[in-house]
Each structure stands twice: as structure tokens, then as C-alpha cells.
Amino acid sequence: MKKENWSIGKTGGCVVTDTPDGLPENSGHSGSDAHKYYGGALVCESVWRNKDVALISAAPDMLEALQNLENDDNSIPEHAWKMVQNAIRKATNVS
């Protein structure tokens, strides 16, 4: 999975990306109109709580950090390592 750069958009309650791969051009969610209105290609909108917008915008960075963890020496406790692996599966289980 290619890491995208997500950020909080110009319009309240939205998250945008500068990597609009796979988004339809004519949907209004990518392209120049979306960039003017949202500040980039739209990932999501209508997120009411600021803390949720911040969390969503950080998701690609957090996934990359988790994927780069190594536990070859078992220094990460088993319960924590299972949480890491479950989070990676949840984030990458795309149909």
C-alpha cells in the first residue's frame, strides 16, 4: 500500500490528500475544483469532532510507523505486538 500524504483540509471537518490516485476526476472530490474548495483531493468530510479529523489525517503516518516496527528480539510485549499486528491488518484489509 502506497503511503499518501493526508492533512486537514481548508473546509471544516474534512481530510484531504495530495495523492488523488483512484479518485474519479468528475466527482468533485479531486481535481482543481476540489483543491480550491477543500485544499486537496477529498479523503473524507463531515467529520464533526476536531480530534477525529486530526486522527484520520494522521492515519497514513501511523500505519507507516507500525509497519516499520521490528520485534525480532521480542522486546515488544506480546499483547502490544498483537495490537500492532491487528491494527495493520485492519488498516490494510481493503477489498
C-alpha atoms as a PDB file:
ATOM      1  CA  MET A   1       0.000   0.000   0.000  1.00  0.00           C
ATOM      2  CA  LYS A   2       1.447   3.334  -1.080  1.00  0.00           C
ATOM      3  CA  LYS A   3       1.582   5.943   1.675  1.00  0.00           C
ATOM      4  CA  GLU A   4      -0.433   9.044   0.928  1.00  0.00           C
ATOM      5  CA  ASN A   5       0.084  12.481   2.408  1.00  0.00           C
ATOM      6  CA  TRP A   6      -3.115  13.341   4.257  1.00  0.00           C
ATOM      7  CA  SER A   7      -3.808  16.631   6.005  1.00  0.00           C
ATOM      8  CA  ILE A   8      -6.645  18.628   7.498  1.00  0.00           C
ATOM      9  CA  GLY A   9      -8.440  20.437   4.680  1.00  0.00           C
ATOM     10  CA  LYS A  10      -9.441  24.073   4.325  1.00  0.00           C
ATOM     11  CA  THR A  11     -13.138  23.308   4.819  1.00  0.00           C
ATOM     12  CA  GLY A  12     -14.107  22.350   8.365  1.00  0.00           C
ATOM     13  CA  GLY A  13     -14.346  18.660   9.118  1.00  0.00           C
ATOM     14  CA  CYS A  14     -12.511  17.320   6.069  1.00  0.00           C
ATOM     15  CA  VAL A  15      -9.288  15.469   5.356  1.00  0.00           C
ATOM     16  CA  VAL A  16      -7.511  15.812   2.012  1.00  0.00           C
ATOM     17  CA  THR A  17      -4.648  14.188   0.146  1.00  0.00           C
ATOM     18  CA  ASP A  18      -2.167  15.392  -2.408  1.00  0.00           C
ATOM     19  CA  THR A  19      -2.247  11.913  -3.975  1.00  0.00           C
ATOM     20  CA  PRO A  20      -5.651  11.562  -5.684  1.00  0.00           C
ATOM     21  CA  ASP A  21      -4.866   8.173  -7.271  1.00  0.00           C
ATOM     22  CA  GLY A  22      -8.064   6.204  -7.801  1.00  0.00           C
ATOM     23  CA  LEU A  23     -10.451   9.099  -7.194  1.00  0.00           C
ATOM     24  CA  PRO A  24     -12.818   9.856 -10.076  1.00  0.00           C
ATOM     25  CA  GLU A  25     -11.995  13.116 -11.825  1.00  0.00           C
ATOM     26  CA  ASN A  26     -15.637  14.143 -12.358  1.00  0.00           C
ATOM     27  CA  SER A  27     -16.860  13.533  -8.811  1.00  0.00           C
ATOM     28  CA  GLY A  28     -15.898  16.940  -7.451  1.00  0.00           C
ATOM     29  CA  HIS A  29     -13.663  15.218  -4.893  1.00  0.00           C
ATOM     30  CA  SER A  30     -10.462  15.630  -6.873  1.00  0.00           C
ATOM     31  CA  GLY A  31      -9.149  17.990  -9.491  1.00  0.00           C
ATOM     32  CA  SER A  32      -8.811  21.758  -9.436  1.00  0.00           C
ATOM     33  CA  ASP A  33     -12.279  22.465  -8.013  1.00  0.00           C
ATOM     34  CA  ALA A  34     -11.673  20.164  -5.056  1.00  0.00           C
ATOM     35  CA  HIS A  35      -8.250  21.703  -4.494  1.00  0.00           C
ATOM     36  CA  LYS A  36      -9.748  25.199  -4.397  1.00  0.00           C
ATOM     37  CA  TYR A  37     -12.619  24.247  -2.074  1.00  0.00           C
ATOM     38  CA  TYR A  38     -11.172  21.525   0.175  1.00  0.00           C
ATOM     39  CA  GLY A  39      -7.449  22.204  -0.152  1.00  0.00           C
ATOM     40  CA  GLY A  40      -6.704  18.934  -1.953  1.00  0.00           C
ATOM     41  CA  ALA A  41      -8.371  15.752  -3.128  1.00  0.00           C
ATOM     42  CA  LEU A  42     -11.056  14.768  -0.637  1.00  0.00           C
ATOM     43  CA  VAL A  43     -10.483  11.747   1.591  1.00  0.00           C
ATOM     44  CA  CYS A  44     -13.457  12.385   3.886  1.00  0.00           C
ATOM     45  CA  GLU A  45     -15.752  15.168   5.004  1.00  0.00           C
ATOM     46  CA  SER A  46     -18.453  15.879   7.555  1.00  0.00           C
ATOM     47  CA  VAL A  47     -16.249  14.794  10.443  1.00  0.00           C
ATOM     48  CA  TRP A  48     -17.612  16.810  13.335  1.00  0.00           C
ATOM     49  CA  ARG A  49     -15.018  16.415  16.074  1.00  0.00           C
ATOM     50  CA  ASN A  50     -11.649  18.108  15.562  1.00  0.00           C
ATOM     51  CA  LYS A  51      -9.861  15.275  17.358  1.00  0.00           C
ATOM     52  CA  ASP A  52     -11.293  12.800  14.821  1.00  0.00           C
ATOM     53  CA  VAL A  53     -10.151  14.951  11.882  1.00  0.00           C
ATOM     54  CA  ALA A  54      -6.653  15.050  13.378  1.00  0.00           C
ATOM     55  CA  LEU A  55      -6.634  11.275  13.942  1.00  0.00           C
ATOM     56  CA  ILE A  56      -7.845  10.494  10.419  1.00  0.00           C
ATOM     57  CA  SER A  57      -5.306  12.847   8.852  1.00  0.00           C
ATOM     58  CA  ALA A  58      -2.508  11.086  10.769  1.00  0.00           C
ATOM     59  CA  ALA A  59      -3.596   7.558   9.749  1.00  0.00           C
ATOM     60  CA  PRO A  60      -1.106   7.028   6.878  1.00  0.00           C
ATOM     61  CA  ASP A  61       1.781   8.174   9.078  1.00  0.00           C
ATOM     62  CA  MET A  62       0.713   5.910  11.934  1.00  0.00           C
ATOM     63  CA  LEU A  63       0.345   2.922   9.588  1.00  0.00           C
ATOM     64  CA  GLU A  64       3.815   3.524   8.184  1.00  0.00           C
ATOM     65  CA  ALA A  65       5.246   3.727  11.721  1.00  0.00           C
ATOM     66  CA  LEU A  66       3.574   0.465  12.734  1.00  0.00           C
ATOM     67  CA  GLN A  67       4.740  -1.307   9.577  1.00  0.00           C
ATOM     68  CA  ASN A  68       8.317  -0.252  10.321  1.00  0.00           C
ATOM     69  CA  LEU A  69       8.363  -1.680  13.840  1.00  0.00           C
ATOM     70  CA  GLU A  70      10.512  -4.754  14.259  1.00  0.00           C
ATOM     71  CA  ASN A  71      10.210  -7.282  17.024  1.00  0.00           C
ATOM     72  CA  ASP A  72      12.874  -9.822  16.041  1.00  0.00           C
ATOM     73  CA  ASP A  73      14.231  -9.848  19.577  1.00  0.00           C
ATOM     74  CA  ASN A  74      10.747  -9.986  21.182  1.00  0.00           C
ATOM     75  CA  SER A  75      11.400  -6.739  23.043  1.00  0.00           C
ATOM     76  CA  ILE A  76       7.821  -5.592  22.451  1.00  0.00           C
ATOM     77  CA  PRO A  77       5.460  -7.356  24.891  1.00  0.00           C
ATOM     78  CA  GLU A  78       3.285  -9.990  23.208  1.00  0.00           C
ATOM     79  CA  HIS A  79      -0.016  -8.209  23.931  1.00  0.00           C
ATOM     80  CA  ALA A  80       1.341  -4.959  22.447  1.00  0.00           C
ATOM     81  CA  TRP A  81       2.749  -6.768  19.392  1.00  0.00           C
ATOM     82  CA  LYS A  82      -0.666  -8.356  18.785  1.00  0.00           C
ATOM     83  CA  MET A  83      -2.238  -4.883  18.927  1.00  0.00           C
ATOM     84  CA  VAL A  84       0.266  -3.654  16.329  1.00  0.00           C
ATOM     85  CA  GLN A  85      -0.426  -6.597  14.024  1.00  0.00           C
ATOM     86  CA  ASN A  86      -4.216  -6.250  14.406  1.00  0.00           C
ATOM     87  CA  ALA A  87      -4.052  -2.533  13.624  1.00  0.00           C
ATOM     88  CA  ILE A  88      -2.005  -3.188  10.476  1.00  0.00           C
ATOM     89  CA  ARG A  89      -4.480  -5.864   9.331  1.00  0.00           C
ATOM     90  CA  LYS A  90      -7.407  -3.531   9.975  1.00  0.00           C
ATOM     91  CA  ALA A  91      -5.779  -0.707   8.017  1.00  0.00           C
ATOM     92  CA  THR A  92      -4.725  -2.843   5.055  1.00  0.00           C
ATOM     93  CA  ASN A  93      -7.700  -5.185   4.655  1.00  0.00           C
ATOM     94  CA  VAL A  94      -9.031  -3.388   1.593  1.00  0.00           C
ATOM     95  CA  SER A  95     -11.459  -5.265  -0.647  1.00  0.00           C
END
